[in-house]
Amino acid sequence: MGSFKNVGFRFSSVSETLIYPLVLGHGERLFDETSQANHLKLAESKTFGTGVVKAGLSWRG
């Protein structure tokens, strides 16, 4: 079964994401072993007072 989050990364349509700090002992990973996460680089980031991080991403290569 696929998920919406992987579709955006797979088709290079995601350039920005919001990351909410949450610690869980289990759950679904943002990037799995077959993802293209290693092809992304952090272009910019902004941390808000709530701990949320806005990450601007770009594709390597």
N, C-alpha and C. Protein backbone atom coordinates (compact mmCIF):
# COMPACT_ATOMS: atom_id res chain seq x y z
N MET A 1 0.85 -1.18 0.00
CA MET A 1 0.00 0.00 0.00
C MET A 1 0.89 1.24 0.00
N GLY A 2 0.62 2.18 -0.88
CA GLY A 2 1.37 3.42 -0.95
C GLY A 2 0.81 4.45 0.00
N SER A 3 1.50 5.54 0.12
CA SER A 3 0.99 6.62 0.95
C SER A 3 1.20 7.94 0.22
N PHE A 4 0.43 8.92 0.60
CA PHE A 4 0.47 10.23 -0.05
C PHE A 4 1.84 10.88 0.06
N LYS A 5 2.47 10.77 1.21
CA LYS A 5 3.76 11.43 1.42
C LYS A 5 4.82 10.94 0.46
N ASN A 6 4.83 9.66 0.16
CA ASN A 6 5.84 9.11 -0.75
C ASN A 6 5.58 9.50 -2.19
N VAL A 7 4.34 9.74 -2.56
CA VAL A 7 4.01 10.13 -3.93
C VAL A 7 4.67 11.47 -4.26
N GLY A 8 4.58 12.44 -3.38
CA GLY A 8 5.17 13.75 -3.62
C GLY A 8 6.67 13.69 -3.80
N PHE A 9 7.36 12.92 -2.97
CA PHE A 9 8.80 12.79 -3.09
C PHE A 9 9.17 11.99 -4.33
N ARG A 10 8.41 10.98 -4.64
CA ARG A 10 8.72 10.11 -5.78
C ARG A 10 8.67 10.89 -7.09
N PHE A 11 7.74 11.82 -7.21
CA PHE A 11 7.58 12.56 -8.46
C PHE A 11 8.21 13.95 -8.41
N SER A 12 9.07 14.18 -7.44
CA SER A 12 9.84 15.43 -7.30
C SER A 12 8.96 16.67 -7.21
N SER A 13 7.77 16.53 -6.67
CA SER A 13 6.86 17.67 -6.60
C SER A 13 6.89 18.37 -5.24
N VAL A 14 7.64 17.84 -4.29
CA VAL A 14 7.71 18.45 -2.97
C VAL A 14 8.97 19.30 -2.89
N SER A 15 8.80 20.57 -2.52
CA SER A 15 9.97 21.44 -2.35
C SER A 15 10.04 22.00 -0.94
N GLU A 16 8.97 21.80 -0.18
CA GLU A 16 8.90 22.33 1.17
C GLU A 16 8.08 21.37 2.02
N THR A 17 8.48 21.22 3.27
CA THR A 17 7.71 20.38 4.17
C THR A 17 7.78 20.96 5.57
N LEU A 18 6.75 20.72 6.36
CA LEU A 18 6.73 21.12 7.76
C LEU A 18 6.96 19.87 8.60
N ILE A 19 7.89 19.95 9.54
CA ILE A 19 8.22 18.81 10.39
C ILE A 19 7.80 19.15 11.80
N TYR A 20 6.91 18.34 12.36
CA TYR A 20 6.42 18.53 13.72
C TYR A 20 7.16 17.59 14.66
N PRO A 21 7.75 18.12 15.73
CA PRO A 21 8.50 17.25 16.64
C PRO A 21 7.55 16.35 17.43
N LEU A 22 7.70 15.07 17.24
CA LEU A 22 6.85 14.09 17.90
C LEU A 22 7.66 12.82 18.06
N VAL A 23 7.73 12.33 19.26
CA VAL A 23 8.50 11.11 19.51
C VAL A 23 7.53 9.96 19.71
N LEU A 24 7.68 8.95 18.88
CA LEU A 24 6.85 7.75 18.98
C LEU A 24 7.77 6.54 19.05
N GLY A 25 7.29 5.52 19.69
CA GLY A 25 8.06 4.28 19.75
C GLY A 25 7.90 3.45 18.50
N HIS A 26 6.89 3.77 17.70
CA HIS A 26 6.64 3.02 16.48
C HIS A 26 5.85 3.91 15.53
N GLY A 27 5.64 3.44 14.34
CA GLY A 27 4.86 4.20 13.38
C GLY A 27 5.49 4.19 12.00
N GLU A 28 4.86 4.90 11.10
CA GLU A 28 5.32 4.94 9.72
C GLU A 28 6.44 5.97 9.57
N ARG A 29 7.49 5.62 8.88
CA ARG A 29 8.62 6.52 8.67
C ARG A 29 8.31 7.48 7.52
N LEU A 30 8.89 8.67 7.60
CA LEU A 30 8.74 9.62 6.51
C LEU A 30 9.46 9.11 5.26
N PHE A 31 10.66 8.55 5.44
CA PHE A 31 11.42 7.97 4.34
C PHE A 31 11.67 6.50 4.64
N ASP A 32 11.31 5.64 3.72
CA ASP A 32 11.61 4.22 3.91
C ASP A 32 12.90 3.87 3.16
N GLU A 33 13.26 2.61 3.20
CA GLU A 33 14.53 2.17 2.61
C GLU A 33 14.57 2.35 1.10
N THR A 34 13.42 2.38 0.45
CA THR A 34 13.39 2.49 -1.01
C THR A 34 13.14 3.91 -1.49
N SER A 35 13.11 4.86 -0.58
CA SER A 35 12.80 6.24 -0.97
C SER A 35 14.01 6.92 -1.60
N GLN A 36 13.79 8.10 -2.09
CA GLN A 36 14.86 8.88 -2.70
C GLN A 36 15.35 9.97 -1.76
N ALA A 37 15.26 9.74 -0.46
CA ALA A 37 15.65 10.75 0.51
C ALA A 37 17.10 11.17 0.35
N ASN A 38 17.96 10.25 -0.06
CA ASN A 38 19.38 10.60 -0.21
C ASN A 38 19.63 11.49 -1.43
N HIS A 39 18.61 11.74 -2.24
CA HIS A 39 18.74 12.63 -3.38
C HIS A 39 18.29 14.06 -3.04
N LEU A 40 17.86 14.25 -1.80
CA LEU A 40 17.40 15.57 -1.35
C LEU A 40 18.50 16.27 -0.57
N LYS A 41 18.53 17.60 -0.65
CA LYS A 41 19.41 18.36 0.23
C LYS A 41 18.60 19.51 0.82
N LEU A 42 18.98 19.91 2.00
CA LEU A 42 18.31 20.99 2.70
C LEU A 42 18.78 22.32 2.12
N ALA A 43 17.87 23.07 1.52
CA ALA A 43 18.21 24.35 0.92
C ALA A 43 18.06 25.49 1.92
N GLU A 44 17.06 25.38 2.79
CA GLU A 44 16.83 26.40 3.82
C GLU A 44 15.96 25.80 4.91
N SER A 45 16.00 26.40 6.08
CA SER A 45 15.13 25.93 7.16
C SER A 45 14.80 27.09 8.08
N LYS A 46 13.66 26.97 8.73
CA LYS A 46 13.23 27.95 9.72
C LYS A 46 12.56 27.18 10.85
N THR A 47 12.99 27.45 12.07
CA THR A 47 12.41 26.81 13.24
C THR A 47 11.50 27.80 13.94
N PHE A 48 10.28 27.38 14.22
CA PHE A 48 9.31 28.22 14.90
C PHE A 48 9.35 27.96 16.40
N GLY A 49 8.80 28.85 17.19
CA GLY A 49 8.80 28.73 18.64
C GLY A 49 8.13 27.47 19.16
N THR A 50 7.25 26.91 18.37
CA THR A 50 6.55 25.68 18.76
C THR A 50 7.40 24.44 18.55
N GLY A 51 8.55 24.60 17.89
CA GLY A 51 9.41 23.47 17.58
C GLY A 51 9.23 22.94 16.17
N VAL A 52 8.21 23.44 15.48
CA VAL A 52 7.97 23.03 14.09
C VAL A 52 9.10 23.58 13.22
N VAL A 53 9.58 22.76 12.30
CA VAL A 53 10.63 23.17 11.37
C VAL A 53 10.06 23.19 9.96
N LYS A 54 10.24 24.32 9.28
CA LYS A 54 9.88 24.43 7.87
C LYS A 54 11.16 24.17 7.08
N ALA A 55 11.16 23.11 6.30
CA ALA A 55 12.36 22.72 5.56
C ALA A 55 12.14 22.93 4.07
N GLY A 56 13.00 23.73 3.46
CA GLY A 56 13.00 23.90 2.01
C GLY A 56 13.97 22.89 1.43
N LEU A 57 13.49 22.07 0.53
CA LEU A 57 14.29 20.98 -0.03
C LEU A 57 14.59 21.21 -1.49
N SER A 58 15.71 20.71 -1.94
CA SER A 58 16.02 20.72 -3.37
C SER A 58 16.61 19.36 -3.73
N TRP A 59 16.53 19.05 -5.00
CA TRP A 59 17.02 17.75 -5.48
C TRP A 59 18.47 17.87 -5.89
N ARG A 60 19.29 16.93 -5.48
CA ARG A 60 20.70 16.90 -5.88
C ARG A 60 20.80 16.50 -7.34
N GLY A 61 21.82 17.03 -7.99
CA GLY A 61 22.12 16.57 -9.34
C GLY A 61 21.41 17.32 -10.37
